[in-house]
Amino acid sequence: MKTVNVSGLKNNPSAALRMAHDDLVLVMNRNEPDALMVGLKSSKIIGMPGVRKALATALFKDGDLSLARSAKLADTPLADFIAHVSRLGIPVIKLSAEDVQQDMDTLDQWLKEV
């Protein structure tokens, strides 16, 4: 196991990431253990069944990844990923009631013109 302090992580995060590719990296904050970095590829965690999809789902749900990037991370076709998150009750499109009403008004206007 290797260690890095928070200031070292802040100043040179790529060094800590390189270390995490080979071994666990313990992040120390004021001489106290604070976090643990795990290289997903080297630990073979990312290759375990369901891990990629679980990570992608969590990151999409929290708004940290777009739908398309989440599907790519999950190594799943976009349509299949949309169906997956929908089954879990995670909204694919997040609109306010005001946005929906505005879209409906626009649609009504467009239909009248056609």
PDB file of N, CA and C in Angstrom:
ATOM      1  N   MET A   1       0.851  -1.171   0.000  1.00  0.00           N
ATOM      2  CA  MET A   1       0.000   0.000   0.000  1.00  0.00           C
ATOM      3  C   MET A   1       0.894   1.230   0.000  1.00  0.00           C
ATOM      4  N   LYS A   2       0.452   2.229  -0.753  1.00  0.00           N
ATOM      5  CA  LYS A   2       1.196   3.486  -0.818  1.00  0.00           C
ATOM      6  C   LYS A   2       0.379   4.571  -0.141  1.00  0.00           C
ATOM      7  N   THR A   3       1.047   5.661   0.207  1.00  0.00           N
ATOM      8  CA  THR A   3       0.340   6.773   0.844  1.00  0.00           C
ATOM      9  C   THR A   3       0.660   8.072   0.126  1.00  0.00           C
ATOM     10  N   VAL A   4      -0.288   8.990   0.219  1.00  0.00           N
ATOM     11  CA  VAL A   4      -0.112  10.330  -0.300  1.00  0.00           C
ATOM     12  C   VAL A   4      -0.863  11.250   0.643  1.00  0.00           C
ATOM     13  N   ASN A   5      -0.315  12.444   0.887  1.00  0.00           N
ATOM     14  CA  ASN A   5      -1.055  13.375   1.729  1.00  0.00           C
ATOM     15  C   ASN A   5      -1.942  14.253   0.853  1.00  0.00           C
ATOM     16  N   VAL A   6      -2.894  14.916   1.467  1.00  0.00           N
ATOM     17  CA  VAL A   6      -3.871  15.710   0.728  1.00  0.00           C
ATOM     18  C   VAL A   6      -3.183  16.781  -0.113  1.00  0.00           C
ATOM     19  N   SER A   7      -2.179  17.439   0.432  1.00  0.00           N
ATOM     20  CA  SER A   7      -1.503  18.485  -0.344  1.00  0.00           C
ATOM     21  C   SER A   7      -0.796  17.885  -1.551  1.00  0.00           C
ATOM     22  N   GLY A   8      -0.206  16.700  -1.402  1.00  0.00           N
ATOM     23  CA  GLY A   8       0.426  16.029  -2.535  1.00  0.00           C
ATOM     24  C   GLY A   8      -0.598  15.634  -3.585  1.00  0.00           C
ATOM     25  N   LEU A   9      -1.777  15.235  -3.120  1.00  0.00           N
ATOM     26  CA  LEU A   9      -2.854  14.882  -4.033  1.00  0.00           C
ATOM     27  C   LEU A   9      -3.340  16.116  -4.792  1.00  0.00           C
ATOM     28  N   LYS A  10      -3.410  17.233  -4.072  1.00  0.00           N
ATOM     29  CA  LYS A  10      -3.857  18.481  -4.687  1.00  0.00           C
ATOM     30  C   LYS A  10      -2.834  18.990  -5.710  1.00  0.00           C
ATOM     31  N   ASN A  11      -1.560  18.910  -5.364  1.00  0.00           N
ATOM     32  CA  ASN A  11      -0.501  19.433  -6.225  1.00  0.00           C
ATOM     33  C   ASN A  11      -0.203  18.544  -7.429  1.00  0.00           C
ATOM     34  N   ASN A  12      -0.349  17.230  -7.263  1.00  0.00           N
ATOM     35  CA  ASN A  12      -0.001  16.315  -8.352  1.00  0.00           C
ATOM     36  C   ASN A  12      -0.936  15.106  -8.332  1.00  0.00           C
ATOM     37  N   PRO A  13      -2.202  15.297  -8.717  1.00  0.00           N
ATOM     38  CA  PRO A  13      -3.146  14.177  -8.667  1.00  0.00           C
ATOM     39  C   PRO A  13      -2.774  13.036  -9.611  1.00  0.00           C
ATOM     40  N   SER A  14      -2.108  13.342 -10.714  1.00  0.00           N
ATOM     41  CA  SER A  14      -1.760  12.276 -11.655  1.00  0.00           C
ATOM     42  C   SER A  14      -0.767  11.288 -11.048  1.00  0.00           C
ATOM     43  N   ALA A  15       0.104  11.753 -10.165  1.00  0.00           N
ATOM     44  CA  ALA A  15       1.047  10.832  -9.504  1.00  0.00           C
ATOM     45  C   ALA A  15       0.290   9.842  -8.636  1.00  0.00           C
ATOM     46  N   ALA A  16      -0.705  10.324  -7.900  1.00  0.00           N
ATOM     47  CA  ALA A  16      -1.510   9.436  -7.053  1.00  0.00           C
ATOM     48  C   ALA A  16      -2.299   8.441  -7.910  1.00  0.00           C
ATOM     49  N   LEU A  17      -2.799   8.897  -9.034  1.00  0.00           N
ATOM     50  CA  LEU A  17      -3.529   7.994  -9.923  1.00  0.00           C
ATOM     51  C   LEU A  17      -2.614   6.916 -10.486  1.00  0.00           C
ATOM     52  N   ARG A  18      -1.401   7.307 -10.850  1.00  0.00           N
ATOM     53  CA  ARG A  18      -0.441   6.307 -11.345  1.00  0.00           C
ATOM     54  C   ARG A  18      -0.127   5.287 -10.261  1.00  0.00           C
ATOM     55  N   MET A  19       0.026   5.752  -9.026  1.00  0.00           N
ATOM     56  CA  MET A  19       0.282   4.821  -7.919  1.00  0.00           C
ATOM     57  C   MET A  19      -0.903   3.879  -7.732  1.00  0.00           C
ATOM     58  N   ALA A  20      -2.126   4.396  -7.888  1.00  0.00           N
ATOM     59  CA  ALA A  20      -3.324   3.584  -7.705  1.00  0.00           C
ATOM     60  C   ALA A  20      -3.463   2.512  -8.786  1.00  0.00           C
ATOM     61  N   HIS A  21      -2.793   2.702  -9.920  1.00  0.00           N
ATOM     62  CA  HIS A  21      -2.821   1.674 -10.963  1.00  0.00           C
ATOM     63  C   HIS A  21      -2.072   0.426 -10.515  1.00  0.00           C
ATOM     64  N   ASP A  22      -1.113   0.607  -9.607  1.00  0.00           N
ATOM     65  CA  ASP A  22      -0.286  -0.515  -9.164  1.00  0.00           C
ATOM     66  C   ASP A  22      -0.680  -1.068  -7.802  1.00  0.00           C
ATOM     67  N   ASP A  23      -1.260  -0.233  -6.953  1.00  0.00           N
ATOM     68  CA  ASP A  23      -1.504  -0.649  -5.569  1.00  0.00           C
ATOM     69  C   ASP A  23      -2.577   0.250  -4.962  1.00  0.00           C
ATOM     70  N   LEU A  24      -3.039  -0.099  -3.778  1.00  0.00           N
ATOM     71  CA  LEU A  24      -3.944   0.770  -3.034  1.00  0.00           C
ATOM     72  C   LEU A  24      -3.184   2.016  -2.607  1.00  0.00           C
ATOM     73  N   VAL A  25      -3.869   3.161  -2.590  1.00  0.00           N
ATOM     74  CA  VAL A  25      -3.240   4.403  -2.162  1.00  0.00           C
ATOM     75  C   VAL A  25      -4.078   4.989  -1.031  1.00  0.00           C
ATOM     76  N   LEU A  26      -3.468   5.127   0.115  1.00  0.00           N
ATOM     77  CA  LEU A  26      -4.131   5.709   1.276  1.00  0.00           C
ATOM     78  C   LEU A  26      -3.866   7.207   1.280  1.00  0.00           C
ATOM     79  N   VAL A  27      -4.937   7.998   1.317  1.00  0.00           N
ATOM     80  CA  VAL A  27      -4.814   9.455   1.339  1.00  0.00           C
ATOM     81  C   VAL A  27      -4.858   9.891   2.798  1.00  0.00           C
ATOM     82  N   MET A  28      -3.799  10.589   3.211  1.00  0.00           N
ATOM     83  CA  MET A  28      -3.687  11.051   4.596  1.00  0.00           C
ATOM     84  C   MET A  28      -4.035  12.536   4.670  1.00  0.00           C
ATOM     85  N   ASN A  29      -4.754  12.907   5.719  1.00  0.00           N
ATOM     86  CA  ASN A  29      -5.116  14.293   5.968  1.00  0.00           C
ATOM     87  C   ASN A  29      -4.745  14.616   7.401  1.00  0.00           C
ATOM     88  N   ARG A  30      -3.724  15.465   7.568  1.00  0.00           N
ATOM     89  CA  ARG A  30      -3.216  15.830   8.895  1.00  0.00           C
ATOM     90  C   ARG A  30      -2.858  14.593   9.730  1.00  0.00           C
ATOM     91  N   ASN A  31      -2.103  13.713   9.106  1.00  0.00           N
ATOM     92  CA  ASN A  31      -1.608  12.489   9.735  1.00  0.00           C
ATOM     93  C   ASN A  31      -2.706  11.510  10.129  1.00  0.00           C
ATOM     94  N   GLU A  32      -3.880  11.659   9.532  1.00  0.00           N
ATOM     95  CA  GLU A  32      -4.978  10.721   9.759  1.00  0.00           C
ATOM     96  C   GLU A  32      -5.409  10.138   8.416  1.00  0.00           C
ATOM     97  N   PRO A  33      -5.692   8.842   8.363  1.00  0.00           N
ATOM     98  CA  PRO A  33      -6.201   8.270   7.115  1.00  0.00           C
ATOM     99  C   PRO A  33      -7.549   8.899   6.764  1.00  0.00           C
ATOM    100  N   ASP A  34      -7.698   9.308   5.505  1.00  0.00           N
ATOM    101  CA  ASP A  34      -8.914  10.016   5.105  1.00  0.00           C
ATOM    102  C   ASP A  34      -9.664   9.324   3.977  1.00  0.00           C
ATOM    103  N   ALA A  35      -8.947   8.734   3.038  1.00  0.00           N
ATOM    104  CA  ALA A  35      -9.604   8.097   1.895  1.00  0.00           C
ATOM    105  C   ALA A  35      -8.693   7.006   1.353  1.00  0.00           C
ATOM    106  N   LEU A  36      -9.278   6.152   0.541  1.00  0.00           N
ATOM    107  CA  LEU A  36      -8.529   5.067  -0.076  1.00  0.00           C
ATOM    108  C   LEU A  36      -8.799   5.100  -1.574  1.00  0.00           C
ATOM    109  N   MET A  37      -7.735   5.134  -2.347  1.00  0.00           N
ATOM    110  CA  MET A  37      -7.860   5.106  -3.809  1.00  0.00           C
ATOM    111  C   MET A  37      -7.571   3.689  -4.291  1.00  0.00           C
ATOM    112  N   VAL A  38      -8.455   3.203  -5.159  1.00  0.00           N
ATOM    113  CA  VAL A  38      -8.321   1.852  -5.692  1.00  0.00           C
ATOM    114  C   VAL A  38      -8.296   1.945  -7.210  1.00  0.00           C
ATOM    115  N   GLY A  39      -7.283   1.389  -7.810  1.00  0.00           N
ATOM    116  CA  GLY A  39      -7.222   1.327  -9.274  1.00  0.00           C
ATOM    117  C   GLY A  39      -8.216   0.278  -9.762  1.00  0.00           C
ATOM    118  N   LEU A  40      -9.245   0.701 -10.450  1.00  0.00           N
ATOM    119  CA  LEU A  40     -10.310  -0.216 -10.855  1.00  0.00           C
ATOM    120  C   LEU A  40      -9.840  -1.265 -11.854  1.00  0.00           C
ATOM    121  N   LYS A  41      -8.953  -0.877 -12.765  1.00  0.00           N
ATOM    122  CA  LYS A  41      -8.472  -1.842 -13.754  1.00  0.00           C
ATOM    123  C   LYS A  41      -7.510  -2.843 -13.117  1.00  0.00           C
ATOM    124  N   SER A  42      -6.556  -2.341 -12.343  1.00  0.00           N
ATOM    125  CA  SER A  42      -5.549  -3.242 -11.777  1.00  0.00           C
ATOM    126  C   SER A  42      -6.151  -4.191 -10.747  1.00  0.00           C
ATOM    127  N   SER A  43      -7.188  -3.748 -10.047  1.00  0.00           N
ATOM    128  CA  SER A  43      -7.821  -4.623  -9.062  1.00  0.00           C
ATOM    129  C   SER A  43      -8.865  -5.521  -9.718  1.00  0.00           C
ATOM    130  N   LYS A  44      -9.085  -5.317 -11.005  1.00  0.00           N
ATOM    131  CA  LYS A  44     -10.038  -6.091 -11.801  1.00  0.00           C
ATOM    132  C   LYS A  44     -11.480  -5.904 -11.330  1.00  0.00           C
ATOM    133  N   ILE A  45     -11.728  -4.884 -10.527  1.00  0.00           N
ATOM    134  CA  ILE A  45     -13.088  -4.596 -10.060  1.00  0.00           C
ATOM    135  C   ILE A  45     -13.971  -4.196 -11.230  1.00  0.00           C
ATOM    136  N   ILE A  46     -13.439  -3.379 -12.126  1.00  0.00           N
ATOM    137  CA  ILE A  46     -14.230  -2.853 -13.238  1.00  0.00           C
ATOM    138  C   ILE A  46     -14.708  -3.971 -14.166  1.00  0.00           C
ATOM    139  N   GLY A  47     -14.004  -5.080 -14.184  1.00  0.00           N
ATOM    140  CA  GLY A  47     -14.386  -6.196 -15.047  1.00  0.00           C
ATOM    141  C   GLY A  47     -15.372  -7.154 -14.424  1.00  0.00           C
ATOM    142  N   MET A  48     -15.682  -6.967 -13.147  1.00  0.00           N
ATOM    143  CA  MET A  48     -16.634  -7.854 -12.484  1.00  0.00           C
ATOM    144  C   MET A  48     -18.045  -7.606 -13.028  1.00  0.00           C
ATOM    145  N   PRO A  49     -18.855  -8.653 -13.090  1.00  0.00           N
ATOM    146  CA  PRO A  49     -20.200  -8.506 -13.649  1.00  0.00           C
ATOM    147  C   PRO A  49     -21.019  -7.432 -12.922  1.00  0.00           C
ATOM    148  N   GLY A  50     -21.593  -6.540 -13.715  1.00  0.00           N
ATOM    149  CA  GLY A  50     -22.497  -5.532 -13.181  1.00  0.00           C
ATOM    150  C   GLY A  50     -21.853  -4.279 -12.638  1.00  0.00           C
ATOM    151  N   VAL A  51     -20.539  -4.257 -12.472  1.00  0.00           N
ATOM    152  CA  VAL A  51     -19.875  -3.103 -11.866  1.00  0.00           C
ATOM    153  C   VAL A  51     -19.955  -1.876 -12.773  1.00  0.00           C
ATOM    154  N   ARG A  52     -19.653  -2.052 -14.042  1.00  0.00           N
ATOM    155  CA  ARG A  52     -19.698  -0.907 -14.969  1.00  0.00           C
ATOM    156  C   ARG A  52     -21.099  -0.311 -15.024  1.00  0.00           C
ATOM    157  N   LYS A  53     -22.111  -1.166 -15.106  1.00  0.00           N
ATOM    158  CA  LYS A  53     -23.488  -0.683 -15.193  1.00  0.00           C
ATOM    159  C   LYS A  53     -23.898   0.000 -13.883  1.00  0.00           C
ATOM    160  N   ALA A  54     -23.473  -0.557 -12.751  1.00  0.00           N
ATOM    161  CA  ALA A  54     -23.809   0.051 -11.457  1.00  0.00           C
ATOM    162  C   ALA A  54     -23.156   1.419 -11.305  1.00  0.00           C
ATOM    163  N   LEU A  55     -21.881   1.529 -11.686  1.00  0.00           N
ATOM    164  CA  LEU A  55     -21.203   2.819 -11.625  1.00  0.00           C
ATOM    165  C   LEU A  55     -21.877   3.835 -12.542  1.00  0.00           C
ATOM    166  N   ALA A  56     -22.163   3.418 -13.764  1.00  0.00           N
ATOM    167  CA  ALA A  56     -22.792   4.311 -14.736  1.00  0.00           C
ATOM    168  C   ALA A  56     -24.162   4.769 -14.248  1.00  0.00           C
ATOM    169  N   THR A  57     -24.928   3.860 -13.676  1.00  0.00           N
ATOM    170  CA  THR A  57     -26.261   4.188 -13.179  1.00  0.00           C
ATOM    171  C   THR A  57     -26.181   5.203 -12.045  1.00  0.00           C
ATOM    172  N   ALA A  58     -25.280   4.967 -11.098  1.00  0.00           N
ATOM    173  CA  ALA A  58     -25.134   5.878  -9.957  1.00  0.00           C
ATOM    174  C   ALA A  58     -24.665   7.257 -10.417  1.00  0.00           C
ATOM    175  N   LEU A  59     -23.715   7.306 -11.332  1.00  0.00           N
ATOM    176  CA  LEU A  59     -23.207   8.586 -11.811  1.00  0.00           C
ATOM    177  C   LEU A  59     -24.262   9.348 -12.614  1.00  0.00           C
ATOM    178  N   PHE A  60     -25.084   8.627 -13.387  1.00  0.00           N
ATOM    179  CA  PHE A  60     -26.159   9.283 -14.122  1.00  0.00           C
ATOM    180  C   PHE A  60     -27.231   9.798 -13.161  1.00  0.00           C
ATOM    181  N   LYS A  61     -27.605   8.967 -12.219  1.00  0.00           N
ATOM    182  CA  LYS A  61     -28.651   9.354 -11.260  1.00  0.00           C
ATOM    183  C   LYS A  61     -28.262  10.613 -10.490  1.00  0.00           C
ATOM    184  N   ASP A  62     -26.992  10.714 -10.117  1.00  0.00           N
ATOM    185  CA  ASP A  62     -26.506  11.871  -9.358  1.00  0.00           C
ATOM    186  C   ASP A  62     -26.232  13.088 -10.240  1.00  0.00           C
ATOM    187  N   GLY A  63     -26.356  12.912 -11.563  1.00  0.00           N
ATOM    188  CA  GLY A  63     -26.138  14.033 -12.473  1.00  0.00           C
ATOM    189  C   GLY A  63     -24.681  14.286 -12.799  1.00  0.00           C
ATOM    190  N   ASP A  64     -23.809  13.332 -12.486  1.00  0.00           N
ATOM    191  CA  ASP A  64     -22.381  13.509 -12.741  1.00  0.00           C
ATOM    192  C   ASP A  64     -21.971  13.100 -14.153  1.00  0.00           C
ATOM    193  N   LEU A  65     -22.784  12.280 -14.816  1.00  0.00           N
ATOM    194  CA  LEU A  65     -22.518  11.876 -16.195  1.00  0.00           C
ATOM    195  C   LEU A  65     -23.790  12.039 -17.009  1.00  0.00           C
ATOM    196  N   SER A  66     -23.617  12.385 -18.274  1.00  0.00           N
ATOM    197  CA  SER A  66     -24.758  12.472 -19.179  1.00  0.00           C
ATOM    198  C   SER A  66     -25.277  11.066 -19.474  1.00  0.00           C
ATOM    199  N   LEU A  67     -26.435  11.021 -20.076  1.00  0.00           N
ATOM    200  CA  LEU A  67     -27.034   9.738 -20.440  1.00  0.00           C
ATOM    201  C   LEU A  67     -26.138   8.975 -21.410  1.00  0.00           C
ATOM    202  N   ALA A  68     -25.639   9.673 -22.432  1.00  0.00           N
ATOM    203  CA  ALA A  68     -24.795   9.016 -23.442  1.00  0.00           C
ATOM    204  C   ALA A  68     -23.477   8.521 -22.841  1.00  0.00           C
ATOM    205  N   ARG A  69     -22.859   9.325 -21.998  1.00  0.00           N
ATOM    206  CA  ARG A  69     -21.596   8.899 -21.384  1.00  0.00           C
ATOM    207  C   ARG A  69     -21.817   7.749 -20.407  1.00  0.00           C
ATOM    208  N   SER A  70     -22.945   7.778 -19.722  1.00  0.00           N
ATOM    209  CA  SER A  70     -23.270   6.686 -18.801  1.00  0.00           C
ATOM    210  C   SER A  70     -23.459   5.376 -19.559  1.00  0.00           C
ATOM    211  N   ALA A  71     -24.156   5.447 -20.685  1.00  0.00           N
ATOM    212  CA  ALA A  71     -24.347   4.246 -21.502  1.00  0.00           C
ATOM    213  C   ALA A  71     -23.008   3.716 -21.995  1.00  0.00           C
ATOM    214  N   LYS A  72     -22.122   4.631 -22.375  1.00  0.00           N
ATOM    215  CA  LYS A  72     -20.795   4.212 -22.842  1.00  0.00           C
ATOM    216  C   LYS A  72     -20.008   3.552 -21.711  1.00  0.00           C
ATOM    217  N   LEU A  73     -20.044   4.160 -20.501  1.00  0.00           N
ATOM    218  CA  LEU A  73     -19.357   3.566 -19.359  1.00  0.00           C
ATOM    219  C   LEU A  73     -19.918   2.184 -19.054  1.00  0.00           C
ATOM    220  N   ALA A  74     -21.226   2.047 -19.144  1.00  0.00           N
ATOM    221  CA  ALA A  74     -21.875   0.767 -18.866  1.00  0.00           C
ATOM    222  C   ALA A  74     -21.616  -0.256 -19.976  1.00  0.00           C
ATOM    223  N   ASP A  75     -21.034   0.210 -21.087  1.00  0.00           N
ATOM    224  CA  ASP A  75     -20.780  -0.642 -22.249  1.00  0.00           C
ATOM    225  C   ASP A  75     -22.087  -1.265 -22.741  1.00  0.00           C
ATOM    226  N   THR A  76     -23.106  -0.380 -22.815  1.00  0.00           N
ATOM    227  CA  THR A  76     -24.464  -0.787 -23.168  1.00  0.00           C
ATOM    228  C   THR A  76     -24.985   0.156 -24.245  1.00  0.00           C
ATOM    229  N   PRO A  77     -25.719  -0.354 -25.224  1.00  0.00           N
ATOM    230  CA  PRO A  77     -26.334   0.557 -26.204  1.00  0.00           C
ATOM    231  C   PRO A  77     -27.229   1.576 -25.486  1.00  0.00           C
ATOM    232  N   LEU A  78     -27.297   2.773 -26.033  1.00  0.00           N
ATOM    233  CA  LEU A  78     -28.040   3.854 -25.396  1.00  0.00           C
ATOM    234  C   LEU A  78     -29.484   3.459 -25.100  1.00  0.00           C
ATOM    235  N   ALA A  79     -30.160   2.857 -26.062  1.00  0.00           N
ATOM    236  CA  ALA A  79     -31.564   2.474 -25.859  1.00  0.00           C
ATOM    237  C   ALA A  79     -31.706   1.484 -24.703  1.00  0.00           C
ATOM    238  N   ASP A  80     -30.775   0.549 -24.592  1.00  0.00           N
ATOM    239  CA  ASP A  80     -30.822  -0.426 -23.498  1.00  0.00           C
ATOM    240  C   ASP A  80     -30.557   0.253 -22.150  1.00  0.00           C
ATOM    241  N   PHE A  81     -29.653   1.235 -22.133  1.00  0.00           N
ATOM    242  CA  PHE A  81     -29.366   1.944 -20.878  1.00  0.00           C
ATOM    243  C   PHE A  81     -30.574   2.784 -20.459  1.00  0.00           C
ATOM    244  N   ILE A  82     -31.243   3.401 -21.432  1.00  0.00           N
ATOM    245  CA  ILE A  82     -32.454   4.170 -21.129  1.00  0.00           C
ATOM    246  C   ILE A  82     -33.499   3.251 -20.503  1.00  0.00           C
ATOM    247  N   ALA A  83     -33.688   2.076 -21.083  1.00  0.00           N
ATOM    248  CA  ALA A  83     -34.648   1.118 -20.530  1.00  0.00           C
ATOM    249  C   ALA A  83     -34.236   0.685 -19.124  1.00  0.00           C
ATOM    250  N   HIS A  84     -32.944   0.481 -18.914  1.00  0.00           N
ATOM    251  CA  HIS A  84     -32.418   0.061 -17.607  1.00  0.00           C
ATOM    252  C   HIS A  84     -32.722   1.097 -16.524  1.00  0.00           C
ATOM    253  N   VAL A  85     -32.380   2.358 -16.769  1.00  0.00           N
ATOM    254  CA  VAL A  85     -32.610   3.375 -15.736  1.00  0.00           C
ATOM    255  C   VAL A  85     -34.104   3.637 -15.552  1.00  0.00           C
ATOM    256  N   SER A  86     -34.863   3.515 -16.627  1.00  0.00           N
ATOM    257  CA  SER A  86     -36.310   3.702 -16.515  1.00  0.00           C
ATOM    258  C   SER A  86     -36.928   2.624 -15.626  1.00  0.00           C
ATOM    259  N   ARG A  87     -36.475   1.388 -15.789  1.00  0.00           N
ATOM    260  CA  ARG A  87     -36.969   0.301 -14.925  1.00  0.00           C
ATOM    261  C   ARG A  87     -36.658   0.570 -13.458  1.00  0.00           C
ATOM    262  N   LEU A  88     -35.556   1.275 -13.213  1.00  0.00           N
ATOM    263  CA  LEU A  88     -35.169   1.598 -11.835  1.00  0.00           C
ATOM    264  C   LEU A  88     -35.883   2.836 -11.304  1.00  0.00           C
ATOM    265  N   GLY A  89     -36.708   3.454 -12.136  1.00  0.00           N
ATOM    266  CA  GLY A  89     -37.439   4.647 -11.714  1.00  0.00           C
ATOM    267  C   GLY A  89     -36.613   5.916 -11.757  1.00  0.00           C
ATOM    268  N   ILE A  90     -35.509   5.887 -12.488  1.00  0.00           N
ATOM    269  CA  ILE A  90     -34.652   7.068 -12.629  1.00  0.00           C
ATOM    270  C   ILE A  90     -35.103   7.815 -13.877  1.00  0.00           C
ATOM    271  N   PRO A  91     -35.535   9.069 -13.729  1.00  0.00           N
ATOM    272  CA  PRO A  91     -36.010   9.799 -14.907  1.00  0.00           C
ATOM    273  C   PRO A  91     -34.884  10.063 -15.899  1.00  0.00           C
ATOM    274  N   VAL A  92     -35.193   9.832 -17.161  1.00  0.00           N
ATOM    275  CA  VAL A  92     -34.222  10.059 -18.223  1.00  0.00           C
ATOM    276  C   VAL A  92     -34.179  11.540 -18.576  1.00  0.00           C
ATOM    277  N   ILE A  93     -35.333  12.187 -18.537  1.00  0.00           N
ATOM    278  CA  ILE A  93     -35.435  13.610 -18.827  1.00  0.00           C
ATOM    279  C   ILE A  93     -35.935  14.292 -17.564  1.00  0.00           C
ATOM    280  N   LYS A  94     -35.217  15.302 -17.138  1.00  0.00           N
ATOM    281  CA  LYS A  94     -35.588  16.004 -15.914  1.00  0.00           C
ATOM    282  C   LYS A  94     -36.048  17.409 -16.273  1.00  0.00           C
ATOM    283  N   LEU A  95     -37.353  17.595 -16.278  1.00  0.00           N
ATOM    284  CA  LEU A  95     -37.929  18.895 -16.603  1.00  0.00           C
ATOM    285  C   LEU A  95     -38.838  19.346 -15.470  1.00  0.00           C
ATOM    286  N   SER A  96     -38.906  20.643 -15.291  1.00  0.00           N
ATOM    287  CA  SER A  96     -39.848  21.192 -14.323  1.00  0.00           C
ATOM    288  C   SER A  96     -41.233  21.218 -14.962  1.00  0.00           C
ATOM    289  N   ALA A  97     -42.255  21.393 -14.145  1.00  0.00           N
ATOM    290  CA  ALA A  97     -43.621  21.488 -14.659  1.00  0.00           C
ATOM    291  C   ALA A  97     -43.739  22.664 -15.630  1.00  0.00           C
ATOM    292  N   GLU A  98     -43.031  23.740 -15.332  1.00  0.00           N
ATOM    293  CA  GLU A  98     -43.037  24.918 -16.203  1.00  0.00           C
ATOM    294  C   GLU A  98     -42.432  24.598 -17.574  1.00  0.00           C
ATOM    295  N   ASP A  99     -41.331  23.852 -17.579  1.00  0.00           N
ATOM    296  CA  ASP A  99     -40.698  23.458 -18.841  1.00  0.00           C
ATOM    297  C   ASP A  99     -41.627  22.569 -19.664  1.00  0.00           C
ATOM    298  N   VAL A 100     -42.304  21.639 -19.004  1.00  0.00           N
ATOM    299  CA  VAL A 100     -43.222  20.743 -19.697  1.00  0.00           C
ATOM    300  C   VAL A 100     -44.364  21.552 -20.310  1.00  0.00           C
ATOM    301  N   GLN A 101     -44.910  22.490 -19.545  1.00  0.00           N
ATOM    302  CA  GLN A 101     -46.006  23.316 -20.061  1.00  0.00           C
ATOM    303  C   GLN A 101     -45.555  24.140 -21.254  1.00  0.00           C
ATOM    304  N   GLN A 102     -44.354  24.684 -21.178  1.00  0.00           N
ATOM    305  CA  GLN A 102     -43.822  25.470 -22.296  1.00  0.00           C
ATOM    306  C   GLN A 102     -43.652  24.592 -23.536  1.00  0.00           C
ATOM    307  N   ASP A 103     -43.155  23.368 -23.346  1.00  0.00           N
ATOM    308  CA  ASP A 103     -43.006  22.445 -24.474  1.00  0.00           C
ATOM    309  C   ASP A 103     -44.368  22.087 -25.073  1.00  0.00           C
ATOM    310  N   MET A 104     -45.355  21.873 -24.216  1.00  0.00           N
ATOM    311  CA  MET A 104     -46.698  21.546 -24.705  1.00  0.00           C
ATOM    312  C   MET A 104     -47.297  22.724 -25.470  1.00  0.00           C
ATOM    313  N   ASP A 105     -47.087  23.941 -24.984  1.00  0.00           N
ATOM    314  CA  ASP A 105     -47.573  25.131 -25.693  1.00  0.00           C
ATOM    315  C   ASP A 105     -46.914  25.256 -27.061  1.00  0.00           C
ATOM    316  N   THR A 106     -45.619  25.005 -27.109  1.00  0.00           N
ATOM    317  CA  THR A 106     -44.889  25.046 -28.378  1.00  0.00           C
ATOM    318  C   THR A 106     -45.423  23.993 -29.336  1.00  0.00           C
ATOM    319  N   LEU A 107     -45.673  22.796 -28.822  1.00  0.00           N
ATOM    320  CA  LEU A 107     -46.219  21.723 -29.656  1.00  0.00           C
ATOM    321  C   LEU A 107     -47.604  22.099 -30.189  1.00  0.00           C
ATOM    322  N   ASP A 108     -48.458  22.630 -29.308  1.00  0.00           N
ATOM    323  CA  ASP A 108     -49.792  23.060 -29.742  1.00  0.00           C
ATOM    324  C   ASP A 108     -49.695  24.103 -30.840  1.00  0.00           C
ATOM    325  N   GLN A 109     -48.821  25.060 -30.682  1.00  0.00           N
ATOM    326  CA  GLN A 109     -48.632  26.113 -31.682  1.00  0.00           C
ATOM    327  C   GLN A 109     -48.158  25.524 -33.006  1.00  0.00           C
ATOM    328  N   TRP A 110     -47.222  24.609 -32.924  1.00  0.00           N
ATOM    329  CA  TRP A 110     -46.687  23.979 -34.126  1.00  0.00           C
ATOM    330  C   TRP A 110     -47.766  23.181 -34.846  1.00  0.00           C
ATOM    331  N   LEU A 111     -48.590  22.430 -34.080  1.00  0.00           N
ATOM    332  CA  LEU A 111     -49.654  21.631 -34.683  1.00  0.00           C
ATOM    333  C   LEU A 111     -50.707  22.489 -35.375  1.00  0.00           C
ATOM    334  N   LYS A 112     -50.950  23.676 -34.851  1.00  0.00           N
ATOM    335  CA  LYS A 112     -51.914  24.584 -35.478  1.00  0.00           C
ATOM    336  C   LYS A 112     -51.399  25.097 -36.813  1.00  0.00           C
ATOM    337  N   GLU A 113     -50.085  25.219 -36.946  1.00  0.00           N
ATOM    338  CA  GLU A 113     -49.476  25.732 -38.158  1.00  0.00           C
ATOM    339  C   GLU A 113     -49.350  24.674 -39.253  1.00  0.00           C
ATOM    340  N   VAL A 114     -49.412  23.433 -38.879  1.00  0.00           N
ATOM    341  CA  VAL A 114     -49.196  22.341 -39.840  1.00  0.00           C
ATOM    342  C   VAL A 114     -50.440  22.047 -40.619  1.00  0.00           C
TER     343      VAL A 114
END
